[in-house]
Amino acid sequence: MKNTPGCFLYSQADEFYYYDQVRDVLVIFNLKEARNWFMPIMTTFREVKTSTSGPSGTVFYLTVGRLVTVNIIMKSVNTKIVTNLKLIQKNQK
């Protein structure tokens, strides 16, 4: 079993994309900027764990992260907001 930090900490991506289905909004922010903001205050956020399990209940993958709402991210780092998104679904034959 791998015990790793969440993708927010180890991703090599330049940007992070978060889609809020309820508000139909895509929030885009620079991952390096967000990490620089987040790391000094990381322990102020609640720690949460999630895992992937097999059919027998055996845990294959466990990740530990901090619960940070997208609203806090939007107030703390530069973000791009994309609105009025529409789901495009292709006909599958």
N, C-alpha and C. Protein backbone atom coordinates (compact mmCIF):
# COMPACT_ATOMS: atom_id res chain seq x y z
N MET A 1 0.84 -1.18 0.00
CA MET A 1 0.00 0.00 0.00
C MET A 1 0.89 1.24 0.00
N LYS A 2 0.55 2.20 -0.84
CA LYS A 2 1.26 3.47 -0.90
C LYS A 2 0.62 4.47 0.04
N ASN A 3 1.43 5.13 0.83
CA ASN A 3 0.96 6.25 1.64
C ASN A 3 1.61 7.50 1.06
N THR A 4 0.84 8.29 0.34
CA THR A 4 1.41 9.44 -0.37
C THR A 4 0.64 10.70 -0.04
N PRO A 5 1.29 11.86 -0.22
CA PRO A 5 0.53 13.10 -0.10
C PRO A 5 -0.42 13.22 -1.29
N GLY A 6 -1.41 14.06 -1.17
CA GLY A 6 -2.36 14.23 -2.26
C GLY A 6 -1.71 14.85 -3.49
N CYS A 7 -2.41 14.76 -4.61
CA CYS A 7 -1.88 15.26 -5.89
C CYS A 7 -1.58 16.74 -5.84
N PHE A 8 -2.23 17.47 -4.98
CA PHE A 8 -1.98 18.91 -4.83
C PHE A 8 -0.51 19.16 -4.49
N LEU A 9 0.10 18.26 -3.72
CA LEU A 9 1.49 18.45 -3.31
C LEU A 9 2.51 17.84 -4.27
N TYR A 10 2.17 16.75 -4.94
CA TYR A 10 3.19 16.11 -5.78
C TYR A 10 3.00 16.31 -7.28
N SER A 11 1.91 16.88 -7.72
CA SER A 11 1.67 17.07 -9.14
C SER A 11 2.72 18.01 -9.75
N GLN A 12 3.10 17.72 -10.98
CA GLN A 12 4.04 18.57 -11.70
C GLN A 12 3.30 19.54 -12.64
N ALA A 13 1.99 19.57 -12.55
CA ALA A 13 1.18 20.45 -13.41
C ALA A 13 1.43 21.91 -13.05
N ASP A 14 1.25 22.78 -14.03
CA ASP A 14 1.36 24.22 -13.79
C ASP A 14 0.07 24.76 -13.19
N GLU A 15 -1.06 24.20 -13.61
CA GLU A 15 -2.35 24.69 -13.14
C GLU A 15 -3.18 23.55 -12.58
N PHE A 16 -4.08 23.91 -11.68
CA PHE A 16 -5.02 22.97 -11.07
C PHE A 16 -6.41 23.38 -11.53
N TYR A 17 -7.20 22.43 -11.99
CA TYR A 17 -8.56 22.69 -12.46
C TYR A 17 -9.54 22.03 -11.49
N TYR A 18 -10.47 22.82 -10.98
CA TYR A 18 -11.49 22.31 -10.07
C TYR A 18 -12.85 22.67 -10.65
N TYR A 19 -13.68 21.66 -10.89
CA TYR A 19 -15.01 21.91 -11.42
C TYR A 19 -16.05 21.74 -10.32
N ASP A 20 -16.84 22.77 -10.10
CA ASP A 20 -17.91 22.76 -9.12
C ASP A 20 -19.21 22.49 -9.88
N GLN A 21 -19.74 21.27 -9.75
CA GLN A 21 -20.95 20.88 -10.48
C GLN A 21 -22.17 21.67 -10.05
N VAL A 22 -22.27 21.98 -8.78
CA VAL A 22 -23.45 22.66 -8.27
C VAL A 22 -23.57 24.05 -8.89
N ARG A 23 -22.46 24.77 -8.96
CA ARG A 23 -22.48 26.14 -9.50
C ARG A 23 -22.14 26.19 -10.99
N ASP A 24 -21.77 25.04 -11.57
CA ASP A 24 -21.37 24.96 -12.98
C ASP A 24 -20.25 25.97 -13.27
N VAL A 25 -19.20 25.89 -12.46
CA VAL A 25 -18.08 26.82 -12.55
C VAL A 25 -16.78 26.02 -12.54
N LEU A 26 -15.87 26.38 -13.43
CA LEU A 26 -14.53 25.81 -13.45
C LEU A 26 -13.58 26.84 -12.85
N VAL A 27 -12.86 26.43 -11.81
CA VAL A 27 -11.90 27.30 -11.14
C VAL A 27 -10.50 26.82 -11.51
N ILE A 28 -9.67 27.72 -12.02
CA ILE A 28 -8.32 27.38 -12.45
C ILE A 28 -7.35 28.25 -11.65
N PHE A 29 -6.32 27.61 -11.07
CA PHE A 29 -5.32 28.40 -10.35
C PHE A 29 -3.94 27.81 -10.55
N ASN A 30 -2.93 28.66 -10.38
CA ASN A 30 -1.53 28.26 -10.51
C ASN A 30 -1.17 27.39 -9.30
N LEU A 31 -0.70 26.19 -9.58
CA LEU A 31 -0.43 25.24 -8.50
C LEU A 31 0.74 25.68 -7.64
N LYS A 32 1.78 26.23 -8.23
CA LYS A 32 2.94 26.68 -7.45
C LYS A 32 2.55 27.80 -6.49
N GLU A 33 1.77 28.77 -7.00
CA GLU A 33 1.31 29.87 -6.15
C GLU A 33 0.45 29.34 -5.00
N ALA A 34 -0.43 28.40 -5.30
CA ALA A 34 -1.30 27.84 -4.27
C ALA A 34 -0.50 27.07 -3.22
N ARG A 35 0.50 26.32 -3.66
CA ARG A 35 1.35 25.60 -2.70
C ARG A 35 2.10 26.57 -1.80
N ASN A 36 2.65 27.64 -2.39
CA ASN A 36 3.38 28.63 -1.59
C ASN A 36 2.49 29.27 -0.54
N TRP A 37 1.20 29.47 -0.86
CA TRP A 37 0.25 30.00 0.10
C TRP A 37 -0.10 28.94 1.16
N PHE A 38 -0.29 27.71 0.70
CA PHE A 38 -0.82 26.64 1.53
C PHE A 38 0.19 26.06 2.54
N MET A 39 1.41 25.82 2.12
CA MET A 39 2.37 25.08 2.95
C MET A 39 2.58 25.69 4.35
N PRO A 40 2.76 27.00 4.48
CA PRO A 40 2.97 27.55 5.84
C PRO A 40 1.76 27.43 6.76
N ILE A 41 0.57 27.29 6.20
CA ILE A 41 -0.65 27.24 7.03
C ILE A 41 -1.36 25.89 6.94
N MET A 42 -0.71 24.91 6.37
CA MET A 42 -1.31 23.60 6.11
C MET A 42 -1.96 23.00 7.36
N THR A 43 -1.29 23.11 8.50
CA THR A 43 -1.81 22.45 9.71
C THR A 43 -3.07 23.10 10.27
N THR A 44 -3.45 24.26 9.73
CA THR A 44 -4.69 24.90 10.20
C THR A 44 -5.93 24.27 9.58
N PHE A 45 -5.72 23.42 8.56
CA PHE A 45 -6.83 22.76 7.88
C PHE A 45 -6.96 21.32 8.38
N ARG A 46 -8.20 20.85 8.43
CA ARG A 46 -8.48 19.50 8.93
C ARG A 46 -7.88 18.44 8.01
N GLU A 47 -7.21 17.47 8.60
CA GLU A 47 -6.63 16.36 7.84
C GLU A 47 -7.72 15.33 7.51
N VAL A 48 -7.71 14.86 6.27
CA VAL A 48 -8.66 13.84 5.84
C VAL A 48 -7.91 12.76 5.07
N LYS A 49 -8.47 11.57 5.06
CA LYS A 49 -7.87 10.44 4.35
C LYS A 49 -8.89 9.87 3.39
N THR A 50 -8.41 9.36 2.28
CA THR A 50 -9.27 8.65 1.34
C THR A 50 -8.47 7.47 0.80
N SER A 51 -9.18 6.46 0.36
CA SER A 51 -8.48 5.26 -0.10
C SER A 51 -9.24 4.59 -1.25
N THR A 52 -8.54 3.72 -1.92
CA THR A 52 -9.12 2.88 -2.96
C THR A 52 -9.02 1.44 -2.47
N SER A 53 -10.14 0.74 -2.49
CA SER A 53 -10.17 -0.63 -1.99
C SER A 53 -10.59 -1.60 -3.08
N GLY A 54 -10.15 -2.83 -2.93
CA GLY A 54 -10.56 -3.89 -3.84
C GLY A 54 -11.86 -4.51 -3.40
N PRO A 55 -12.36 -5.48 -4.16
CA PRO A 55 -13.64 -6.12 -3.85
C PRO A 55 -13.68 -6.76 -2.46
N SER A 56 -12.54 -7.24 -1.98
CA SER A 56 -12.51 -7.89 -0.68
C SER A 56 -12.35 -6.90 0.47
N GLY A 57 -12.22 -5.61 0.13
CA GLY A 57 -12.06 -4.59 1.14
C GLY A 57 -10.60 -4.25 1.43
N THR A 58 -9.68 -4.92 0.77
CA THR A 58 -8.26 -4.64 0.94
C THR A 58 -7.95 -3.25 0.39
N VAL A 59 -7.28 -2.44 1.19
CA VAL A 59 -6.93 -1.08 0.77
C VAL A 59 -5.70 -1.15 -0.13
N PHE A 60 -5.84 -0.65 -1.36
CA PHE A 60 -4.74 -0.62 -2.31
C PHE A 60 -3.96 0.67 -2.24
N TYR A 61 -4.65 1.75 -1.96
CA TYR A 61 -4.04 3.07 -2.04
C TYR A 61 -4.66 3.96 -1.00
N LEU A 62 -3.83 4.64 -0.23
CA LEU A 62 -4.30 5.55 0.80
C LEU A 62 -3.60 6.89 0.60
N THR A 63 -4.36 7.95 0.61
CA THR A 63 -3.78 9.29 0.52
C THR A 63 -4.31 10.14 1.66
N VAL A 64 -3.47 11.01 2.15
CA VAL A 64 -3.81 11.90 3.26
C VAL A 64 -3.72 13.33 2.75
N GLY A 65 -4.71 14.12 3.04
CA GLY A 65 -4.70 15.51 2.59
C GLY A 65 -5.33 16.43 3.61
N ARG A 66 -5.50 17.66 3.23
CA ARG A 66 -6.14 18.66 4.08
C ARG A 66 -7.38 19.17 3.37
N LEU A 67 -8.41 19.42 4.11
CA LEU A 67 -9.68 19.87 3.56
C LEU A 67 -9.68 21.39 3.44
N VAL A 68 -9.60 21.88 2.19
CA VAL A 68 -9.59 23.30 1.90
C VAL A 68 -10.70 23.56 0.90
N THR A 69 -11.62 24.41 1.23
CA THR A 69 -12.73 24.67 0.30
C THR A 69 -12.24 25.50 -0.88
N VAL A 70 -12.91 25.35 -1.99
CA VAL A 70 -12.54 26.12 -3.18
C VAL A 70 -12.77 27.61 -2.92
N ASN A 71 -13.71 27.96 -2.08
CA ASN A 71 -13.94 29.37 -1.75
C ASN A 71 -12.72 29.99 -1.06
N ILE A 72 -12.07 29.23 -0.20
CA ILE A 72 -10.85 29.73 0.46
C ILE A 72 -9.73 29.89 -0.56
N ILE A 73 -9.59 28.93 -1.45
CA ILE A 73 -8.58 29.04 -2.52
C ILE A 73 -8.84 30.29 -3.35
N MET A 74 -10.09 30.51 -3.73
CA MET A 74 -10.45 31.65 -4.58
C MET A 74 -10.14 32.99 -3.90
N LYS A 75 -10.23 33.04 -2.58
CA LYS A 75 -9.94 34.27 -1.85
C LYS A 75 -8.44 34.45 -1.59
N SER A 76 -7.66 33.38 -1.72
CA SER A 76 -6.27 33.40 -1.28
C SER A 76 -5.24 33.45 -2.41
N VAL A 77 -5.58 32.97 -3.58
CA VAL A 77 -4.64 32.97 -4.70
C VAL A 77 -5.36 33.47 -5.96
N ASN A 78 -4.59 33.87 -6.93
CA ASN A 78 -5.17 34.31 -8.20
C ASN A 78 -5.87 33.14 -8.87
N THR A 79 -7.10 33.37 -9.30
CA THR A 79 -7.86 32.31 -9.96
C THR A 79 -8.46 32.81 -11.25
N LYS A 80 -8.68 31.88 -12.16
CA LYS A 80 -9.46 32.14 -13.36
C LYS A 80 -10.76 31.39 -13.18
N ILE A 81 -11.87 32.02 -13.54
CA ILE A 81 -13.18 31.41 -13.38
C ILE A 81 -13.81 31.27 -14.77
N VAL A 82 -14.26 30.06 -15.08
CA VAL A 82 -14.96 29.81 -16.34
C VAL A 82 -16.40 29.46 -15.96
N THR A 83 -17.37 30.20 -16.52
CA THR A 83 -18.78 29.98 -16.19
C THR A 83 -19.55 29.55 -17.43
N ASN A 84 -20.79 29.20 -17.22
CA ASN A 84 -21.71 28.80 -18.29
C ASN A 84 -21.18 27.62 -19.11
N LEU A 85 -20.64 26.67 -18.41
CA LEU A 85 -20.16 25.47 -19.08
C LEU A 85 -21.35 24.58 -19.42
N LYS A 86 -21.24 23.89 -20.50
CA LYS A 86 -22.29 22.95 -20.90
C LYS A 86 -21.64 21.59 -21.12
N LEU A 87 -22.29 20.57 -20.61
CA LEU A 87 -21.80 19.22 -20.80
C LEU A 87 -22.04 18.81 -22.25
N ILE A 88 -20.98 18.41 -22.91
CA ILE A 88 -21.10 17.93 -24.29
C ILE A 88 -20.94 16.42 -24.24
N GLN A 89 -21.95 15.74 -24.66
CA GLN A 89 -21.95 14.28 -24.59
C GLN A 89 -22.04 13.74 -26.01
N LYS A 90 -21.07 12.91 -26.36
CA LYS A 90 -21.08 12.31 -27.69
C LYS A 90 -21.98 11.07 -27.68
N ASN A 91 -22.61 10.84 -28.78
CA ASN A 91 -23.39 9.60 -28.91
C ASN A 91 -22.43 8.44 -28.98
N GLN A 92 -22.64 7.47 -28.14
CA GLN A 92 -21.79 6.29 -28.16
C GLN A 92 -22.52 5.18 -28.88
N LYS A 93 -21.85 4.63 -29.88
CA LYS A 93 -22.47 3.56 -30.68
C LYS A 93 -21.81 2.25 -30.41
